[in-house]
């Protein structure tokens, strides 16, 4: 998958992303840039990134590391953070053979084949 230039807007409308996202509701542990461990709620995810609910604001460009089901530690760059929601882009896309098992483990909504 291609990476986006995070210094520029990468979509035209509100919900036009590089990859479609799957709705999930999953608590995920993650590590903040200062090394503290926290918990967030993953709201939706794609092979390239996720949207999480986290009460504190993170700064664009911050690097966080999630502990994901199936795939383990996954580093991501904060793209935006506003009103208790944060969008991140994974440093490496999740490979196809791991993506669907990970979605199932996260309790993805809808039909996940």
Protein backbone atom coordinates (compact mmCIF):
# COMPACT_ATOMS: atom_id res chain seq x y z
CA UNK A 1 0.00 0.00 0.00
CA UNK A 2 1.16 3.52 -0.62
CA UNK A 3 2.07 5.92 2.17
CA UNK A 4 0.52 9.35 2.34
CA UNK A 5 2.35 12.62 2.71
CA UNK A 6 1.18 13.58 6.21
CA UNK A 7 2.19 17.19 5.64
CA UNK A 8 -0.60 17.62 3.08
CA UNK A 9 -4.31 16.86 3.04
CA UNK A 10 -4.69 13.42 1.48
CA UNK A 11 -8.40 13.34 0.83
CA UNK A 12 -11.00 15.53 -0.82
CA UNK A 13 -14.02 14.81 1.35
CA UNK A 14 -14.64 13.90 4.94
CA UNK A 15 -14.39 10.14 4.57
CA UNK A 16 -12.26 9.43 1.52
CA UNK A 17 -9.28 7.40 2.68
CA UNK A 18 -6.59 5.35 1.00
CA UNK A 19 -8.10 2.12 2.38
CA UNK A 20 -11.61 1.35 3.65
CA UNK A 21 -11.93 0.94 7.40
CA UNK A 22 -13.73 -1.72 9.43
CA UNK A 23 -15.76 -0.75 12.47
CA UNK A 24 -14.55 -2.31 15.70
CA UNK A 25 -14.88 -1.63 19.40
CA UNK A 26 -11.76 -2.91 21.06
CA UNK A 27 -9.71 -1.78 24.04
CA UNK A 28 -6.03 -1.59 23.08
CA UNK A 29 -2.97 -1.00 25.22
CA UNK A 30 -0.48 1.44 23.74
CA UNK A 31 2.72 3.25 24.67
CA UNK A 32 2.92 7.04 24.54
CA UNK A 33 5.99 8.88 23.20
CA UNK A 34 7.21 9.41 26.79
CA UNK A 35 7.09 5.66 27.49
CA UNK A 36 3.95 5.60 29.64
CA UNK A 37 1.46 2.84 28.93
CA UNK A 38 -2.19 3.74 28.43
CA UNK A 39 -5.40 2.19 27.13
CA UNK A 40 -7.53 3.47 24.26
CA UNK A 41 -10.61 2.27 22.42
CA UNK A 42 -10.13 1.45 18.75
CA UNK A 43 -13.22 2.63 16.84
CA UNK A 44 -12.24 1.64 13.31
CA UNK A 45 -9.20 0.23 11.56
CA UNK A 46 -7.68 -0.44 8.15
CA UNK A 47 -4.43 -2.06 7.10
CA UNK A 48 -2.90 1.44 7.13
CA UNK A 49 -4.18 3.04 10.34
CA UNK A 50 -6.87 3.39 12.96
CA UNK A 51 -9.15 5.81 14.75
CA UNK A 52 -9.00 5.65 18.52
CA UNK A 53 -10.79 7.25 21.41
CA UNK A 54 -8.34 8.60 23.95
CA UNK A 55 -9.23 11.41 26.33
CA UNK A 56 -5.95 13.31 26.08
CA UNK A 57 -4.75 15.15 23.00
CA UNK A 58 -1.74 13.76 21.18
CA UNK A 59 0.41 15.88 18.89
CA UNK A 60 0.56 15.26 15.14
CA UNK A 61 3.83 13.48 14.42
CA UNK A 62 3.93 11.70 17.81
CA UNK A 63 4.93 8.05 17.58
CA UNK A 64 2.84 5.56 19.58
CA UNK A 65 3.13 1.78 19.77
CA UNK A 66 0.04 -0.44 20.03
CA UNK A 67 -0.13 -4.02 21.28
CA UNK A 68 -2.48 -5.51 18.70
CA UNK A 69 -4.15 -8.92 18.72
CA UNK A 70 -2.51 -11.46 16.36
CA UNK A 71 0.20 -9.09 15.06
CA UNK A 72 1.73 -7.79 18.30
CA UNK A 73 3.60 -4.49 18.58
CA UNK A 74 2.67 -1.98 15.87
CA UNK A 75 4.13 1.53 15.66
CA UNK A 76 1.99 4.38 14.35
CA UNK A 77 2.31 8.11 13.71
CA UNK A 78 -0.36 10.48 14.99
CA UNK A 79 -1.95 12.30 12.04
CA UNK A 80 -4.56 14.30 13.97
CA UNK A 81 -6.06 14.51 17.46
CA UNK A 82 -9.21 16.43 18.39
CA UNK A 83 -12.03 16.14 20.90
CA UNK A 84 -11.01 12.81 22.39
CA UNK A 85 -10.41 11.12 19.04
CA UNK A 86 -7.07 10.48 17.37
CA UNK A 87 -6.22 9.22 13.88
CA UNK A 88 -2.97 7.35 13.35
CA UNK A 89 -1.14 5.85 10.38
CA UNK A 90 0.83 2.64 10.89
CA UNK A 91 4.52 2.77 10.03
CA UNK A 92 4.07 -0.52 8.15
CA UNK A 93 0.80 -1.69 6.63
CA UNK A 94 -0.70 -4.82 8.13
CA UNK A 95 -0.16 -7.72 5.74
CA UNK A 96 -3.28 -9.28 4.21
CA UNK A 97 -2.83 -12.73 5.79
CA UNK A 98 -2.83 -11.18 9.29
CA UNK A 99 -5.46 -8.51 8.74
CA UNK A 100 -8.65 -10.63 8.76
CA UNK A 101 -7.63 -12.77 11.77
CA UNK A 102 -6.76 -9.55 13.61
CA UNK A 103 -10.15 -8.05 12.73
CA UNK A 104 -11.94 -11.12 14.06
CA UNK A 105 -9.90 -10.99 17.27
CA UNK A 106 -10.86 -7.32 17.67
CA UNK A 107 -14.56 -8.09 17.28
CA UNK A 108 -15.08 -6.40 13.91
CA UNK A 109 -18.69 -5.53 13.13
CA UNK A 110 -20.32 -6.90 10.04
CA UNK A 111 -19.30 -9.78 7.81
CA UNK A 112 -15.56 -10.44 8.04
CA UNK A 113 -14.54 -13.32 5.78
